[in-house]
C-alpha atoms as a PDB file:
ATOM      1  CA  MET A   1     -20.239 -21.020  -5.437  1.00  0.00           C
ATOM      2  CA  SER A   2     -21.580 -17.967  -6.871  1.00  0.00           C
ATOM      3  CA  GLU A   3     -21.590 -16.808 -10.462  1.00  0.00           C
ATOM      4  CA  LYS A   4     -18.361 -15.240 -11.796  1.00  0.00           C
ATOM      5  CA  THR A   5     -18.487 -11.612 -12.460  1.00  0.00           C
ATOM      6  CA  VAL A   6     -17.678 -10.049 -15.547  1.00  0.00           C
ATOM      7  CA  VAL A   7     -14.486  -8.884 -14.666  1.00  0.00           C
ATOM      8  CA  GLN A   8     -13.868 -12.526 -13.335  1.00  0.00           C
ATOM      9  CA  ARG A   9     -14.954 -14.211 -16.700  1.00  0.00           C
ATOM     10  CA  TYR A  10     -12.719 -11.445 -18.500  1.00  0.00           C
ATOM     11  CA  ILE A  11      -9.339 -12.428 -16.604  1.00  0.00           C
ATOM     12  CA  THR A  12     -10.014 -16.122 -16.860  1.00  0.00           C
ATOM     13  CA  ALA A  13     -11.019 -15.859 -20.662  1.00  0.00           C
ATOM     14  CA  LEU A  14      -7.856 -13.526 -21.150  1.00  0.00           C
ATOM     15  CA  GLY A  15      -5.586 -15.657 -18.874  1.00  0.00           C
ATOM     16  CA  GLU A  16      -6.906 -19.136 -21.053  1.00  0.00           C
ATOM     17  CA  GLN A  17      -6.873 -17.782 -24.445  1.00  0.00           C
ATOM     18  CA  ASP A  18     -10.434 -18.558 -24.312  1.00  0.00           C
ATOM     19  CA  TRP A  19     -11.270 -15.880 -27.581  1.00  0.00           C
ATOM     20  CA  ALA A  20     -14.817 -17.374 -27.951  1.00  0.00           C
ATOM     21  CA  ALA A  21     -15.593 -16.294 -24.268  1.00  0.00           C
ATOM     22  CA  LEU A  22     -13.877 -13.135 -24.371  1.00  0.00           C
ATOM     23  CA  GLU A  23     -15.639 -12.154 -27.657  1.00  0.00           C
ATOM     24  CA  LYS A  24     -19.011 -12.870 -25.608  1.00  0.00           C
ATOM     25  CA  LEU A  25     -17.885 -10.643 -23.134  1.00  0.00           C
ATOM     26  CA  TYR A  26     -17.500  -7.467 -25.403  1.00  0.00           C
ATOM     27  CA  ALA A  27     -20.243  -5.757 -27.491  1.00  0.00           C
ATOM     28  CA  PRO A  28     -19.235  -5.959 -31.001  1.00  0.00           C
ATOM     29  CA  ASP A  29     -18.456  -1.597 -30.987  1.00  0.00           C
ATOM     30  CA  VAL A  30     -16.680  -1.767 -27.831  1.00  0.00           C
ATOM     31  CA  THR A  31     -14.493   0.849 -27.450  1.00  0.00           C
ATOM     32  CA  LEU A  32     -11.032   0.712 -26.019  1.00  0.00           C
ATOM     33  CA  TYR A  33      -8.803   3.251 -24.275  1.00  0.00           C
ATOM     34  CA  ALA A  34      -5.253   2.058 -23.563  1.00  0.00           C
ATOM     35  CA  PRO A  35      -1.886   4.131 -23.819  1.00  0.00           C
ATOM     36  CA  THR A  36      -1.055   2.183 -26.897  1.00  0.00           C
ATOM     37  CA  ALA A  37      -4.614   2.030 -28.658  1.00  0.00           C
ATOM     38  CA  TRP A  38      -6.756   5.157 -27.851  1.00  0.00           C
ATOM     39  CA  GLY A  39     -10.133   5.371 -28.603  1.00  0.00           C
ATOM     40  CA  VAL A  40     -10.114   1.910 -30.692  1.00  0.00           C
ATOM     41  CA  THR A  41     -13.518   0.754 -31.523  1.00  0.00           C
ATOM     42  CA  GLY A  42     -14.421  -2.812 -32.426  1.00  0.00           C
ATOM     43  CA  VAL A  43     -14.278  -6.437 -31.156  1.00  0.00           C
ATOM     44  CA  GLU A  44     -12.053  -7.379 -33.675  1.00  0.00           C
ATOM     45  CA  PHE A  45      -9.205  -5.090 -32.725  1.00  0.00           C
ATOM     46  CA  LEU A  46      -9.441  -6.279 -28.839  1.00  0.00           C
ATOM     47  CA  LEU A  47      -9.348  -9.666 -29.728  1.00  0.00           C
ATOM     48  CA  LYS A  48      -6.385  -9.173 -32.184  1.00  0.00           C
ATOM     49  CA  PHE A  49      -4.730  -6.849 -29.384  1.00  0.00           C
ATOM     50  CA  CYS A  50      -5.110  -9.645 -26.657  1.00  0.00           C
ATOM     51  CA  GLN A  51      -3.928 -12.518 -28.858  1.00  0.00           C
ATOM     52  CA  GLU A  52      -0.726 -10.250 -29.795  1.00  0.00           C
ATOM     53  CA  ILE A  53       0.122 -10.018 -26.014  1.00  0.00           C
ATOM     54  CA  HIS A  54       0.135 -13.873 -25.664  1.00  0.00           C
ATOM     55  CA  HIS A  55       1.655 -14.054 -29.043  1.00  0.00           C
ATOM     56  CA  ALA A  56       4.604 -11.797 -27.255  1.00  0.00           C
ATOM     57  CA  HIS A  57       4.468 -13.688 -23.918  1.00  0.00           C
ATOM     58  CA  PRO A  58       3.839 -17.147 -24.281  1.00  0.00           C
ATOM     59  CA  GLY A  59       2.918 -18.292 -21.012  1.00  0.00           C
ATOM     60  CA  ILE A  60       1.760 -15.296 -19.337  1.00  0.00           C
ATOM     61  CA  ARG A  61      -0.422 -15.100 -16.483  1.00  0.00           C
ATOM     62  CA  ALA A  62      -3.271 -13.051 -15.213  1.00  0.00           C
ATOM     63  CA  VAL A  63      -4.251 -12.709 -11.910  1.00  0.00           C
ATOM     64  CA  LEU A  64      -7.377 -10.627 -10.586  1.00  0.00           C
ATOM     65  CA  HIS A  65      -6.580  -9.052  -6.958  1.00  0.00           C
ATOM     66  CA  ASP A  66      -9.230  -6.647  -6.674  1.00  0.00           C
ATOM     67  CA  GLU A  67     -12.731  -5.347  -8.357  1.00  0.00           C
ATOM     68  CA  PHE A  68     -15.350  -3.030  -7.406  1.00  0.00           C
ATOM     69  CA  SER A  69     -18.670  -2.711  -9.209  1.00  0.00           C
ATOM     70  CA  SER A  70     -21.489  -0.076  -9.065  1.00  0.00           C
ATOM     71  CA  ALA A  71     -24.681  -0.709  -7.562  1.00  0.00           C
ATOM     72  CA  ASP A  72     -26.593  -0.732 -10.630  1.00  0.00           C
ATOM     73  CA  GLY A  73     -23.842  -2.983 -12.203  1.00  0.00           C
ATOM     74  CA  THR A  74     -22.792  -0.798 -15.334  1.00  0.00           C
ATOM     75  CA  ARG A  75     -19.382   0.034 -14.347  1.00  0.00           C
ATOM     76  CA  ALA A  76     -16.607  -1.699 -12.523  1.00  0.00           C
ATOM     77  CA  ALA A  77     -13.180  -1.064 -11.721  1.00  0.00           C
ATOM     78  CA  PHE A  78     -10.443  -3.997 -11.278  1.00  0.00           C
ATOM     79  CA  ARG A  79      -6.775  -4.433 -10.448  1.00  0.00           C
ATOM     80  CA  PHE A  80      -4.950  -7.484 -11.779  1.00  0.00           C
ATOM     81  CA  ALA A  81      -1.433  -8.561 -12.273  1.00  0.00           C
ATOM     82  CA  LEU A  82       0.636  -9.779 -15.331  1.00  0.00           C
ATOM     83  CA  HIS A  83       3.351 -12.425 -15.318  1.00  0.00           C
ATOM     84  CA  TRP A  84       5.211 -12.269 -18.118  1.00  0.00           C
ATOM     85  CA  HIS A  85       8.353 -13.198 -20.151  1.00  0.00           C
ATOM     86  CA  ASN A  86       8.432 -11.423 -23.701  1.00  0.00           C
ATOM     87  CA  THR A  87      10.314 -14.131 -26.016  1.00  0.00           C
ATOM     88  CA  GLY A  88       7.565 -13.740 -28.906  1.00  0.00           C
ATOM     89  CA  THR A  89       6.972 -10.687 -31.664  1.00  0.00           C
ATOM     90  CA  TYR A  90       4.738  -7.908 -30.847  1.00  0.00           C
ATOM     91  CA  PHE A  91       2.796  -6.549 -33.755  1.00  0.00           C
ATOM     92  CA  GLY A  92       5.866  -7.431 -35.910  1.00  0.00           C
ATOM     93  CA  HIS A  93       8.693  -6.042 -32.877  1.00  0.00           C
ATOM     94  CA  GLU A  94      11.119  -8.522 -32.132  1.00  0.00           C
ATOM     95  CA  PRO A  95      11.315  -9.876 -28.423  1.00  0.00           C
ATOM     96  CA  THR A  96      13.271  -8.522 -25.836  1.00  0.00           C
ATOM     97  CA  GLY A  97      13.668 -11.359 -23.640  1.00  0.00           C
ATOM     98  CA  GLU A  98      12.584  -9.374 -20.694  1.00  0.00           C
ATOM     99  CA  ARG A  99      10.204 -10.781 -18.000  1.00  0.00           C
ATOM    100  CA  GLY A 100       8.720  -9.468 -15.039  1.00  0.00           C
ATOM    101  CA  SER A 101       5.256  -8.774 -13.625  1.00  0.00           C
ATOM    102  CA  SER A 102       3.038  -5.768 -13.631  1.00  0.00           C
ATOM    103  CA  ILE A 103      -0.170  -4.391 -11.956  1.00  0.00           C
ATOM    104  CA  GLU A 104      -2.827  -2.664 -14.357  1.00  0.00           C
ATOM    105  CA  GLN A 105      -6.066  -0.915 -13.267  1.00  0.00           C
ATOM    106  CA  HIS A 106      -8.905  -0.881 -15.619  1.00  0.00           C
ATOM    107  CA  THR A 107     -12.454   0.156 -15.887  1.00  0.00           C
ATOM    108  CA  VAL A 108     -15.113  -0.886 -17.946  1.00  0.00           C
ATOM    109  CA  ARG A 109     -18.489   0.197 -18.736  1.00  0.00           C
ATOM    110  CA  ILE A 110     -21.411  -2.695 -18.866  1.00  0.00           C
ATOM    111  CA  GLU A 111     -24.861  -2.877 -20.802  1.00  0.00           C
ATOM    112  CA  GLY A 112     -26.720  -6.231 -20.799  1.00  0.00           C
ATOM    113  CA  GLY A 113     -23.957  -7.860 -19.350  1.00  0.00           C
ATOM    114  CA  ARG A 114     -21.095  -7.199 -21.982  1.00  0.00           C
ATOM    115  CA  ILE A 115     -18.444  -4.490 -22.066  1.00  0.00           C
ATOM    116  CA  VAL A 116     -18.893  -1.501 -24.171  1.00  0.00           C
ATOM    117  CA  GLU A 117     -16.101   0.639 -22.866  1.00  0.00           C
ATOM    118  CA  GLN A 118     -12.569  -0.493 -21.437  1.00  0.00           C
ATOM    119  CA  VAL A 119     -10.416   2.281 -20.145  1.00  0.00           C
ATOM    120  CA  ALA A 120      -6.755   0.674 -19.425  1.00  0.00           C
ATOM    121  CA  ALA A 121      -4.190   2.027 -16.870  1.00  0.00           C
ATOM    122  CA  VAL A 122      -4.196   5.601 -18.081  1.00  0.00           C
ATOM    123  CA  SER A 123      -2.318   7.715 -16.296  1.00  0.00           C
ATOM    124  CA  THR A 124      -1.082  11.606 -16.396  1.00  0.00           C
ATOM    125  CA  LEU A 125       2.448  11.081 -14.586  1.00  0.00           C
ATOM    126  CA  SER A 126       4.383  11.214 -17.722  1.00  0.00           C
ATOM    127  CA  LEU A 127       6.476  14.490 -16.353  1.00  0.00           C
ATOM    128  CA  HIS A 128       7.071  12.056 -13.369  1.00  0.00           C
ATOM    129  CA  PHE A 129       8.185   9.393 -15.568  1.00  0.00           C
ATOM    130  CA  LEU A 130      10.432  12.050 -17.664  1.00  0.00           C
ATOM    131  CA  GLN A 131      11.821  13.427 -14.254  1.00  0.00           C
ATOM    132  CA  LYS A 132      12.729   9.729 -13.191  1.00  0.00           C
ATOM    133  CA  ASP A 133      14.471   9.288 -16.550  1.00  0.00           C
ATOM    134  CA  ALA A 134      16.120  12.648 -16.089  1.00  0.00           C
ATOM    135  CA  TRP A 135      17.318  11.998 -12.630  1.00  0.00           C
ATOM    136  CA  GLY A 136      18.595   8.363 -13.434  1.00  0.00           C
ATOM    137  CA  VAL A 137      15.604   6.799 -10.823  1.00  0.00           C
ATOM    138  CA  PRO A 138      14.796   3.379 -11.706  1.00  0.00           C
ATOM    139  CA  TYR A 139      11.417   2.052 -12.104  1.00  0.00           C
ATOM    140  CA  VAL A 140       9.640  -0.735 -10.833  1.00  0.00           C
ATOM    141  CA  THR A 141      10.414  -3.573 -13.208  1.00  0.00           C
ATOM    142  CA  ASP A 142       8.818  -6.357 -11.089  1.00  0.00           C
ATOM    143  CA  ALA A 143       5.830  -5.558  -9.224  1.00  0.00           C
ATOM    144  CA  VAL A 144       4.105  -8.046  -7.281  1.00  0.00           C
ATOM    145  CA  ASP A 145       0.356  -7.347  -6.050  1.00  0.00           C
ATOM    146  CA  PRO A 146      -0.080  -6.959  -2.348  1.00  0.00           C
ATOM    147  CA  ALA A 147      -3.848  -8.475  -2.356  1.00  0.00           C
ATOM    148  CA  PRO A 148      -4.695 -11.914  -2.676  1.00  0.00           C
ATOM    149  CA  GLU A 149      -5.491 -13.602  -5.657  1.00  0.00           C
ATOM    150  CA  ILE A 150      -9.283 -13.408  -6.558  1.00  0.00           C
ATOM    151  CA  VAL A 151      -8.968 -15.510  -9.473  1.00  0.00           C
ATOM    152  CA  ALA A 152      -6.155 -16.815 -11.116  1.00  0.00           C
ATOM    153  CA  ALA A 153      -6.249 -18.148 -14.687  1.00  0.00           C
ATOM    154  CA  PRO A 154      -3.464 -20.922 -15.149  1.00  0.00           C
ATOM    155  CA  ALA A 155      -0.396 -20.218 -17.387  1.00  0.00           C
ATOM    156  CA  ALA A 156      -0.977 -20.729 -21.271  1.00  0.00           C
ATOM    157  CA  ALA A 157       0.959 -23.250 -22.721  1.00  0.00           C
ATOM    158  CA  GLU A 158       4.075 -22.123 -24.488  1.00  0.00           C
ATOM    159  CA  GLU A 159       3.846 -21.617 -28.458  1.00  0.00           C
ATOM    160  CA  GLY A 160       4.226 -24.908 -29.941  1.00  0.00           C
ATOM    161  CA  ASN A 161       3.237 -26.825 -26.956  1.00  0.00           C
ATOM    162  CA  ARG A 162      -0.708 -26.072 -27.236  1.00  0.00           C
ATOM    163  CA  PRO A 163      -3.068 -29.043 -28.309  1.00  0.00           C
END
């Protein structure tokens, strides 16, 4: 079997809560652009962000469905699904008890085998979503990715059941 790509190693480390492997994948001064954290720099924040997602969603499962890389290996785009159940706090916000699946698209810039920039699911469709709210049109709340799984990390242990 061939060596895993940076993206495949990212999904595996994220899903398995392998913080040391995730830290090695990111440059120390990585910049994250996400709807909840725009232009935040530093691997410490990024690791805390990922840890909070796991704390809020014990047992979250990450599954890679699509990935594309530039010929020179300096850029990659990928689509993955998260299967989650919100039973823990997230940055101090109480759990909602909601569960579902979501699909995310990310792009990364890679230097020396490490992620130096990550853009996560940024969209300018906010007007569309405002109209859906006004019209009472429901949102997709449990999206199942139509593509086959490329890499699937096993579900993390529930809080309190970790070794």
